Amino acid sequence: MFRSRKIPSVGLAIYFGLCFVLALYFAFASVQGDYGLFRRVEVDTEAARLRAELAELRDDIAMLRNNTRRLSDDYLDLDLLDEQARDILGLVRSDEVVLR
């Protein structure tokens, strides 16, 4: 008439143990894996660095376009032309003193 309580079977213990191990694995993968939290932080940091580099390169391009326009046939900046000639060709005026 009375049924005695049984101790949980070994299969149930294995089932819960397997579930626990899988939960640990997925928790570890979500933090350390290829698509985990640490990788996300690395990607965000690299994206910010590349955005800063892109802004710097855009500034350089704007400066070069400005210099190109200033040396064009339509608009000639004599001061820039003089500066470029001195820098590239090593020209010096006769009234200047060169210190080495």
C-alpha atoms as a PDB file:
ATOM      1  CA  MET A   1       0.000   0.000   0.000  1.00  0.00           C
ATOM      2  CA  PHE A   2       2.610   2.505   0.885  1.00  0.00           C
ATOM      3  CA  ARG A   3       5.270   3.218  -1.647  1.00  0.00           C
ATOM      4  CA  SER A   4       8.635   4.118  -0.262  1.00  0.00           C
ATOM      5  CA  ARG A   5      10.526   7.067  -1.671  1.00  0.00           C
ATOM      6  CA  LYS A   6      13.349   6.099  -3.970  1.00  0.00           C
ATOM      7  CA  ILE A   7      16.718   7.791  -4.196  1.00  0.00           C
ATOM      8  CA  PRO A   8      17.052   9.648  -7.516  1.00  0.00           C
ATOM      9  CA  SER A   9      18.374   7.385 -10.170  1.00  0.00           C
ATOM     10  CA  VAL A  10      21.863   7.617 -11.597  1.00  0.00           C
ATOM     11  CA  GLY A  11      20.437   8.628 -14.977  1.00  0.00           C
ATOM     12  CA  LEU A  12      18.853  11.739 -13.484  1.00  0.00           C
ATOM     13  CA  ALA A  13      22.154  12.698 -11.847  1.00  0.00           C
ATOM     14  CA  ILE A  14      23.968  12.258 -15.157  1.00  0.00           C
ATOM     15  CA  TYR A  15      21.295  14.346 -16.922  1.00  0.00           C
ATOM     16  CA  PHE A  16      21.659  17.261 -14.488  1.00  0.00           C
ATOM     17  CA  GLY A  17      25.441  16.954 -14.553  1.00  0.00           C
ATOM     18  CA  LEU A  18      25.436  17.118 -18.344  1.00  0.00           C
ATOM     19  CA  CYS A  19      23.113  20.149 -18.278  1.00  0.00           C
ATOM     20  CA  PHE A  20      25.435  21.869 -15.784  1.00  0.00           C
ATOM     21  CA  VAL A  21      28.523  21.171 -17.910  1.00  0.00           C
ATOM     22  CA  LEU A  22      26.788  22.479 -21.044  1.00  0.00           C
ATOM     23  CA  ALA A  23      25.688  25.616 -19.190  1.00  0.00           C
ATOM     24  CA  LEU A  24      29.280  26.206 -18.071  1.00  0.00           C
ATOM     25  CA  TYR A  25      30.559  25.659 -21.607  1.00  0.00           C
ATOM     26  CA  PHE A  26      28.114  28.145 -23.133  1.00  0.00           C
ATOM     27  CA  ALA A  27      28.794  30.693 -20.408  1.00  0.00           C
ATOM     28  CA  PHE A  28      32.539  30.392 -21.051  1.00  0.00           C
ATOM     29  CA  ALA A  29      32.026  30.648 -24.836  1.00  0.00           C
ATOM     30  CA  SER A  30      29.856  33.747 -24.450  1.00  0.00           C
ATOM     31  CA  VAL A  31      32.693  35.514 -22.634  1.00  0.00           C
ATOM     32  CA  GLN A  32      35.875  34.083 -24.168  1.00  0.00           C
ATOM     33  CA  GLY A  33      34.794  32.768 -27.577  1.00  0.00           C
ATOM     34  CA  ASP A  34      35.239  34.191 -31.062  1.00  0.00           C
ATOM     35  CA  TYR A  35      31.978  36.099 -30.713  1.00  0.00           C
ATOM     36  CA  GLY A  36      32.195  36.667 -26.956  1.00  0.00           C
ATOM     37  CA  LEU A  37      32.274  39.771 -24.832  1.00  0.00           C
ATOM     38  CA  PHE A  38      36.064  40.138 -24.812  1.00  0.00           C
ATOM     39  CA  ARG A  39      36.204  39.893 -28.599  1.00  0.00           C
ATOM     40  CA  ARG A  40      33.448  42.521 -28.811  1.00  0.00           C
ATOM     41  CA  VAL A  41      35.518  44.919 -26.697  1.00  0.00           C
ATOM     42  CA  GLU A  42      38.548  44.315 -28.939  1.00  0.00           C
ATOM     43  CA  VAL A  43      36.505  44.972 -32.070  1.00  0.00           C
ATOM     44  CA  ASP A  44      35.008  48.169 -30.616  1.00  0.00           C
ATOM     45  CA  THR A  45      38.478  49.424 -29.639  1.00  0.00           C
ATOM     46  CA  GLU A  46      39.873  48.673 -33.085  1.00  0.00           C
ATOM     47  CA  ALA A  47      36.884  50.382 -34.733  1.00  0.00           C
ATOM     48  CA  ALA A  48      37.469  53.529 -32.667  1.00  0.00           C
ATOM     49  CA  ARG A  49      41.172  53.508 -33.601  1.00  0.00           C
ATOM     50  CA  LEU A  50      40.326  53.093 -37.279  1.00  0.00           C
ATOM     51  CA  ARG A  51      37.768  55.920 -37.113  1.00  0.00           C
ATOM     52  CA  ALA A  52      40.450  58.212 -35.648  1.00  0.00           C
ATOM     53  CA  GLU A  53      42.892  57.159 -38.370  1.00  0.00           C
ATOM     54  CA  LEU A  54      40.238  57.803 -41.028  1.00  0.00           C
ATOM     55  CA  ALA A  55      39.619  61.301 -39.672  1.00  0.00           C
ATOM     56  CA  GLU A  56      43.367  61.989 -39.727  1.00  0.00           C
ATOM     57  CA  LEU A  57      43.655  60.741 -43.311  1.00  0.00           C
ATOM     58  CA  ARG A  58      40.696  62.888 -44.372  1.00  0.00           C
ATOM     59  CA  ASP A  59      42.425  65.925 -42.865  1.00  0.00           C
ATOM     60  CA  ASP A  60      45.611  65.058 -44.774  1.00  0.00           C
ATOM     61  CA  ILE A  61      43.646  64.699 -48.017  1.00  0.00           C
ATOM     62  CA  ALA A  62      41.959  68.068 -47.455  1.00  0.00           C
ATOM     63  CA  MET A  63      45.360  69.708 -46.862  1.00  0.00           C
ATOM     64  CA  LEU A  64      46.829  68.115 -50.003  1.00  0.00           C
ATOM     65  CA  ARG A  65      43.805  69.174 -52.090  1.00  0.00           C
ATOM     66  CA  ASN A  66      44.208  72.710 -50.780  1.00  0.00           C
ATOM     67  CA  ASN A  67      47.912  72.754 -51.644  1.00  0.00           C
ATOM     68  CA  THR A  68      47.178  71.298 -55.081  1.00  0.00           C
ATOM     69  CA  ARG A  69      44.556  73.972 -55.730  1.00  0.00           C
ATOM     70  CA  ARG A  70      46.939  76.697 -54.536  1.00  0.00           C
ATOM     71  CA  LEU A  71      49.602  75.525 -57.011  1.00  0.00           C
ATOM     72  CA  SER A  72      47.213  75.099 -59.963  1.00  0.00           C
ATOM     73  CA  ASP A  73      47.103  77.268 -63.077  1.00  0.00           C
ATOM     74  CA  ASP A  74      43.814  78.859 -62.012  1.00  0.00           C
ATOM     75  CA  TYR A  75      45.104  80.067 -58.644  1.00  0.00           C
ATOM     76  CA  LEU A  76      48.839  80.371 -57.992  1.00  0.00           C
ATOM     77  CA  ASP A  77      50.012  81.088 -54.458  1.00  0.00           C
ATOM     78  CA  LEU A  78      53.512  82.540 -54.838  1.00  0.00           C
ATOM     79  CA  ASP A  79      54.386  82.062 -51.163  1.00  0.00           C
ATOM     80  CA  LEU A  80      53.571  78.350 -51.370  1.00  0.00           C
ATOM     81  CA  LEU A  81      55.478  78.049 -54.626  1.00  0.00           C
ATOM     82  CA  ASP A  82      58.505  79.723 -53.008  1.00  0.00           C
ATOM     83  CA  GLU A  83      58.232  77.419 -49.988  1.00  0.00           C
ATOM     84  CA  GLN A  84      58.033  74.296 -52.168  1.00  0.00           C
ATOM     85  CA  ALA A  85      60.978  75.406 -54.323  1.00  0.00           C
ATOM     86  CA  ARG A  86      63.109  76.015 -51.249  1.00  0.00           C
ATOM     87  CA  ASP A  87      62.134  72.723 -49.652  1.00  0.00           C
ATOM     88  CA  ILE A  88      62.383  70.426 -52.666  1.00  0.00           C
ATOM     89  CA  LEU A  89      65.071  72.074 -54.780  1.00  0.00           C
ATOM     90  CA  GLY A  90      67.100  73.554 -51.953  1.00  0.00           C
ATOM     91  CA  LEU A  91      66.998  77.076 -53.411  1.00  0.00           C
ATOM     92  CA  VAL A  92      68.266  80.043 -51.405  1.00  0.00           C
ATOM     93  CA  ARG A  93      67.975  83.752 -52.186  1.00  0.00           C
ATOM     94  CA  SER A  94      71.167  85.743 -52.551  1.00  0.00           C
ATOM     95  CA  ASP A  95      70.435  87.918 -49.496  1.00  0.00           C
ATOM     96  CA  GLU A  96      69.914  84.962 -47.142  1.00  0.00           C
ATOM     97  CA  VAL A  97      72.472  83.389 -44.825  1.00  0.00           C
ATOM     98  CA  VAL A  98      72.452  79.596 -44.512  1.00  0.00           C
ATOM     99  CA  LEU A  99      73.491  78.090 -41.179  1.00  0.00           C
ATOM    100  CA  ARG A 100      74.582  74.472 -40.998  1.00  0.00           C
END
